[in-house]
Protein backbone atom coordinates (compact mmCIF):
# COMPACT_ATOMS: atom_id res chain seq x y z
CA UNK A 1 268.02 284.73 34.46
CA UNK A 2 269.52 281.81 36.21
CA UNK A 3 269.58 278.19 35.04
CA UNK A 4 266.83 277.05 37.38
CA UNK A 5 264.32 279.48 35.98
CA UNK A 6 265.08 278.37 32.44
CA UNK A 7 264.36 274.78 33.35
CA UNK A 8 261.08 275.65 35.15
CA UNK A 9 259.47 277.47 32.21
CA UNK A 10 259.12 274.54 29.86
CA UNK A 11 257.56 272.41 32.61
CA UNK A 12 255.11 275.18 33.51
CA UNK A 13 254.06 275.52 29.89
CA UNK A 14 253.53 271.77 29.61
CA UNK A 15 251.33 271.70 32.70
CA UNK A 16 249.17 274.55 31.38
CA UNK A 17 248.73 272.73 28.11
CA UNK A 18 247.61 269.59 29.87
CA UNK A 19 245.13 271.59 31.95
CA UNK A 20 243.57 273.11 28.86
CA UNK A 21 243.18 269.72 27.23
CA UNK A 22 241.47 268.35 30.32
CA UNK A 23 238.85 271.05 30.33
CA UNK A 24 235.53 270.28 28.57
CA UNK A 25 234.28 272.25 25.65
CA UNK A 26 233.25 275.64 26.81
CA UNK A 27 235.34 275.17 29.87
CA UNK A 28 237.18 278.34 29.24
CA UNK A 29 234.08 280.30 30.03
CA UNK A 30 233.40 278.36 33.29
CA UNK A 31 234.24 279.80 36.59
CA UNK A 32 235.58 276.54 38.05
CA UNK A 33 239.18 275.54 37.69
CA UNK A 34 241.08 272.32 38.39
CA UNK A 35 244.13 272.21 40.48
CA UNK A 36 247.37 270.59 39.57
CA UNK A 37 247.40 266.76 40.19
CA UNK A 38 249.19 265.89 43.33
CA UNK A 39 252.10 263.54 43.74
CA UNK A 40 251.43 259.77 44.01
CA UNK A 41 250.63 258.68 47.56
CA UNK A 42 252.40 256.13 49.71
CA UNK A 43 251.65 252.40 49.10
CA UNK A 44 248.62 251.17 51.14
CA UNK A 45 248.65 248.37 53.78
CA UNK A 46 248.51 244.77 52.42
CA UNK A 47 244.91 243.42 51.99
CA UNK A 48 243.41 240.39 53.83
CA UNK A 49 244.25 236.88 52.71
CA UNK A 50 241.96 235.61 49.96
CA UNK A 51 239.81 232.40 50.15
CA UNK A 52 241.44 228.99 49.74
CA UNK A 53 241.65 227.94 46.14
CA UNK A 54 240.42 224.63 44.70
CA UNK A 55 242.25 221.44 45.67
CA UNK A 56 244.99 220.69 43.26
CA UNK A 57 245.48 217.36 41.51
CA UNK A 58 246.87 214.41 43.45
CA UNK A 59 250.60 214.24 43.28
CA UNK A 60 252.72 211.30 42.33
CA UNK A 61 253.39 208.65 45.02
CA UNK A 62 256.39 209.44 47.07
CA UNK A 63 259.35 207.27 47.69
CA UNK A 64 258.58 204.40 50.15
CA UNK A 65 259.73 205.12 53.65
CA UNK A 66 262.43 203.08 55.21
CA UNK A 67 260.95 200.84 57.99
CA UNK A 68 261.89 202.15 61.36
CA UNK A 69 262.28 200.37 64.65
CA UNK A 70 259.13 199.02 66.36
CA UNK A 71 257.85 201.27 69.10
CA UNK A 72 256.88 200.17 72.63
CA UNK A 73 253.67 198.16 73.13
CA UNK A 74 250.64 200.33 73.83
CA UNK A 75 248.20 200.00 76.73
CA UNK A 76 245.43 197.42 76.62
CA UNK A 77 242.25 198.78 75.04
CA UNK A 78 238.67 198.49 76.26
CA UNK A 79 236.85 195.19 75.57
CA UNK A 80 234.92 195.19 72.32
CA UNK A 81 231.22 194.40 71.86
CA UNK A 82 230.56 190.63 72.24
CA UNK A 83 230.05 188.90 68.93
CA UNK A 84 227.17 186.59 67.95
CA UNK A 85 227.27 183.07 69.46
CA UNK A 86 228.99 180.58 67.23
CA UNK A 87 227.61 177.22 66.14
CA UNK A 88 227.71 174.31 68.58
CA UNK A 89 230.73 172.18 68.14
CA UNK A 90 230.65 168.38 67.95
CA UNK A 91 229.68 166.59 71.19
CA UNK A 92 232.62 165.38 73.16
CA UNK A 93 233.05 161.96 74.67
CA UNK A 94 231.08 161.16 77.84
CA UNK A 95 232.96 161.78 81.03
CA UNK A 96 233.30 159.45 83.96
CA UNK A 97 230.29 159.28 86.33
CA UNK A 98 230.64 161.63 89.24
CA UNK A 99 230.46 160.68 92.88
CA UNK A 100 226.84 160.28 94.02
CA UNK A 101 225.64 163.14 96.16
CA UNK A 102 224.13 162.92 99.61
CA UNK A 103 220.49 161.83 99.57
CA UNK A 104 218.14 164.72 100.22
CA UNK A 105 215.32 164.73 102.74
CA UNK A 106 212.01 163.08 101.90
CA UNK A 107 209.51 165.36 100.22
CA UNK A 108 205.96 166.02 101.31
CA UNK A 109 203.48 163.24 100.52
CA UNK A 110 201.83 163.76 97.17
CA UNK A 111 198.15 163.67 96.40
CA UNK A 112 196.45 160.34 96.19
CA UNK A 113 196.78 158.87 92.72
CA UNK A 114 193.83 158.59 90.37
CA UNK A 115 194.06 154.80 90.38
CA UNK A 116 193.21 154.68 94.06
CA UNK A 117 190.49 157.26 93.73
CA UNK A 118 188.88 155.51 90.78
CA UNK A 119 189.12 151.87 91.90
CA UNK A 120 187.60 151.92 95.35
CA UNK A 121 184.23 150.72 96.64
CA UNK A 122 183.43 149.80 100.23
CA UNK A 123 180.53 150.08 102.66
CA UNK A 124 179.28 148.89 106.05
CA UNK A 125 175.74 149.67 107.21
CA UNK A 126 173.58 148.56 110.16
CA UNK A 127 169.87 148.15 110.80
CA UNK A 128 168.95 150.03 113.97
CA UNK A 129 165.40 149.04 114.89
CA UNK A 130 163.63 146.53 117.15
CA UNK A 131 160.96 145.94 114.52
CA UNK A 132 161.63 143.05 112.13
CA UNK A 133 161.32 143.71 108.39
CA UNK A 134 158.07 142.80 106.67
CA UNK A 135 157.78 139.22 105.42
CA UNK A 136 159.06 138.58 101.89
CA UNK A 137 160.53 142.07 101.56
CA UNK A 138 163.83 143.87 100.92
CA UNK A 139 165.78 144.73 104.09
CA UNK A 140 166.89 148.34 104.43
CA UNK A 141 169.94 149.13 106.57
CA UNK A 142 169.39 152.66 107.80
CA UNK A 143 172.62 153.60 109.62
CA UNK A 144 175.96 154.12 107.84
CA UNK A 145 179.24 153.10 109.45
CA UNK A 146 181.31 153.68 106.30
CA UNK A 147 180.18 154.46 102.77
CA UNK A 148 182.75 156.90 101.27
CA UNK A 149 181.77 156.36 97.65
CA UNK A 150 178.04 156.39 98.39
CA UNK A 151 177.56 153.07 96.58
CA UNK A 152 175.03 151.82 99.17
CA UNK A 153 171.76 153.76 99.22
CA UNK A 154 170.03 153.73 102.63
CA UNK A 155 166.81 154.96 101.01
CA UNK A 156 166.50 152.03 98.60
CA UNK A 157 168.49 149.46 100.60
CA UNK A 158 170.52 148.57 97.50
CA UNK A 159 174.22 148.59 96.60
CA UNK A 160 174.95 149.80 93.03
CA UNK A 161 178.22 148.80 91.35
CA UNK A 162 180.21 151.71 89.87
CA UNK A 163 183.54 149.89 89.40
CA UNK A 164 183.31 146.50 87.62
CA UNK A 165 185.20 143.72 89.35
CA UNK A 166 185.17 141.02 92.01
CA UNK A 167 183.33 141.96 95.24
CA UNK A 168 182.86 140.30 98.62
CA UNK A 169 179.61 140.76 100.55
CA UNK A 170 178.95 139.58 104.13
CA UNK A 171 176.18 140.01 106.71
CA UNK A 172 175.92 139.38 110.45
CA UNK A 173 172.32 139.57 111.65
CA UNK A 174 170.80 139.32 115.12
CA UNK A 175 167.49 137.48 115.41
CA UNK A 176 164.77 136.94 117.98
CA UNK A 177 162.81 134.50 115.80
CA UNK A 178 163.43 132.22 112.85
CA UNK A 179 165.34 134.05 110.12
CA UNK A 180 166.27 133.46 106.48
CA UNK A 181 168.54 136.06 104.88
CA UNK A 182 168.79 136.00 101.08
CA UNK A 183 171.25 137.92 98.93
CA UNK A 184 170.03 139.11 95.53
CA UNK A 185 171.85 140.41 92.48
CA UNK A 186 169.59 142.08 89.92
CA UNK A 187 166.44 140.23 91.04
CA UNK A 188 168.27 136.89 91.07
CA UNK A 189 168.76 135.16 94.42
CA UNK A 190 172.43 134.31 94.87
CA UNK A 191 172.54 132.95 98.48
CA UNK A 192 170.19 132.08 101.33
CA UNK A 193 171.09 131.60 104.99
CA UNK A 194 168.34 130.32 107.29
CA UNK A 195 168.51 129.78 111.03
CA UNK A 196 165.78 128.38 113.26
CA UNK A 197 165.44 130.01 116.63
CA UNK A 198 166.76 127.93 119.52
CA UNK A 199 167.67 130.69 122.01
CA UNK A 200 166.13 134.00 123.00
CA UNK A 201 168.76 135.76 120.83
CA UNK A 202 171.24 134.44 118.32
CA UNK A 203 173.30 135.58 115.30
CA UNK A 204 173.23 134.40 111.72
CA UNK A 205 176.07 135.10 109.27
CA UNK A 206 176.80 134.59 105.61
CA UNK A 207 179.15 135.82 102.88
CA UNK A 208 179.69 135.46 99.13
CA UNK A 209 182.04 136.56 96.31
CA UNK A 210 180.36 138.08 93.26
CA UNK A 211 181.68 139.44 89.98
CA UNK A 212 179.70 142.55 89.10
CA UNK A 213 179.38 144.71 86.01
CA UNK A 214 178.84 148.44 86.22
CA UNK A 215 175.27 149.22 87.18
CA UNK A 216 174.56 145.83 88.82
CA UNK A 217 172.70 146.01 92.17
CA UNK A 218 172.94 143.85 95.31
CA UNK A 219 170.65 143.79 98.35
CA UNK A 220 169.34 141.57 101.20
CA UNK A 221 165.79 140.40 101.73
CA UNK A 222 163.86 137.98 103.94
CA UNK A 223 161.07 135.46 103.30
CA UNK A 224 158.40 134.67 105.86
CA UNK A 225 161.21 133.97 108.35
CA UNK A 226 161.86 137.59 109.20
CA UNK A 227 163.01 137.69 112.83
CA UNK A 228 165.89 140.20 112.20
CA UNK A 229 166.41 143.00 114.75
CA UNK A 230 168.94 145.69 115.46
CA UNK A 231 169.15 146.73 119.09
CA UNK A 232 171.84 147.55 121.63
CA UNK A 233 174.04 144.49 121.93
CA UNK A 234 172.28 142.83 118.99
CA UNK A 235 173.43 144.53 115.78
CA UNK A 236 172.55 143.50 112.25
CA UNK A 237 175.34 144.48 109.81
CA UNK A 238 175.72 144.35 106.02
CA UNK A 239 179.11 144.98 104.37
CA UNK A 240 180.67 144.82 100.90
CA UNK A 241 183.92 145.82 99.25
CA UNK A 242 185.81 145.59 95.97
CA UNK A 243 188.61 143.00 95.91
CA UNK A 244 189.89 143.20 92.32
CA UNK A 245 188.73 145.70 89.70
CA UNK A 246 188.37 144.45 86.12
């Protein structure tokens, strides 16, 4: 027997003993049998990297860096959002007056002022008829020449004051017979102009200044001398207008 065979026998006996110990009780009667363990395999490939661990504690501050040289100036950035307006500063001193500009063209005429609209009163009326008024009666002038405010009423023959103040009244009357024209203010005779007939036709005139309060009335009347007419070429006219409002 060579040396190799002598070395192999003890190893074979040891392996058989290990096999018997590995068998369970009653294993000797079983039909199965285990083979001899194989040799260790080759090392496997490295596994995938594991997940990152928790962040470690902050380290100690490092040594301050040595200041380096300043780099080149960068490009200009975009403008930022405008800030809120600041408070007004103190007012500065007044500057010198500037040179006057060229005068502009005249504007359109404005509307008539209220003063003019409110403080106006004027009328002129005529009596167009060949029939004289009745004796001792009020004379009605039935045709309007101007009466913008409507202060003279052709239906009543009376002027009614709407704007208190100083008024002037005047009449020019044609006559074909004796005539007396009387001017009344609120049932009080203020003037009387009488003319006795000396020609086939003639004219009588008269005028007076009166201060009137609002609501006062003025009219003309005749007495029994009532020869007033109003025909072509022989007009009878009654006028009045405000001179100075109160």
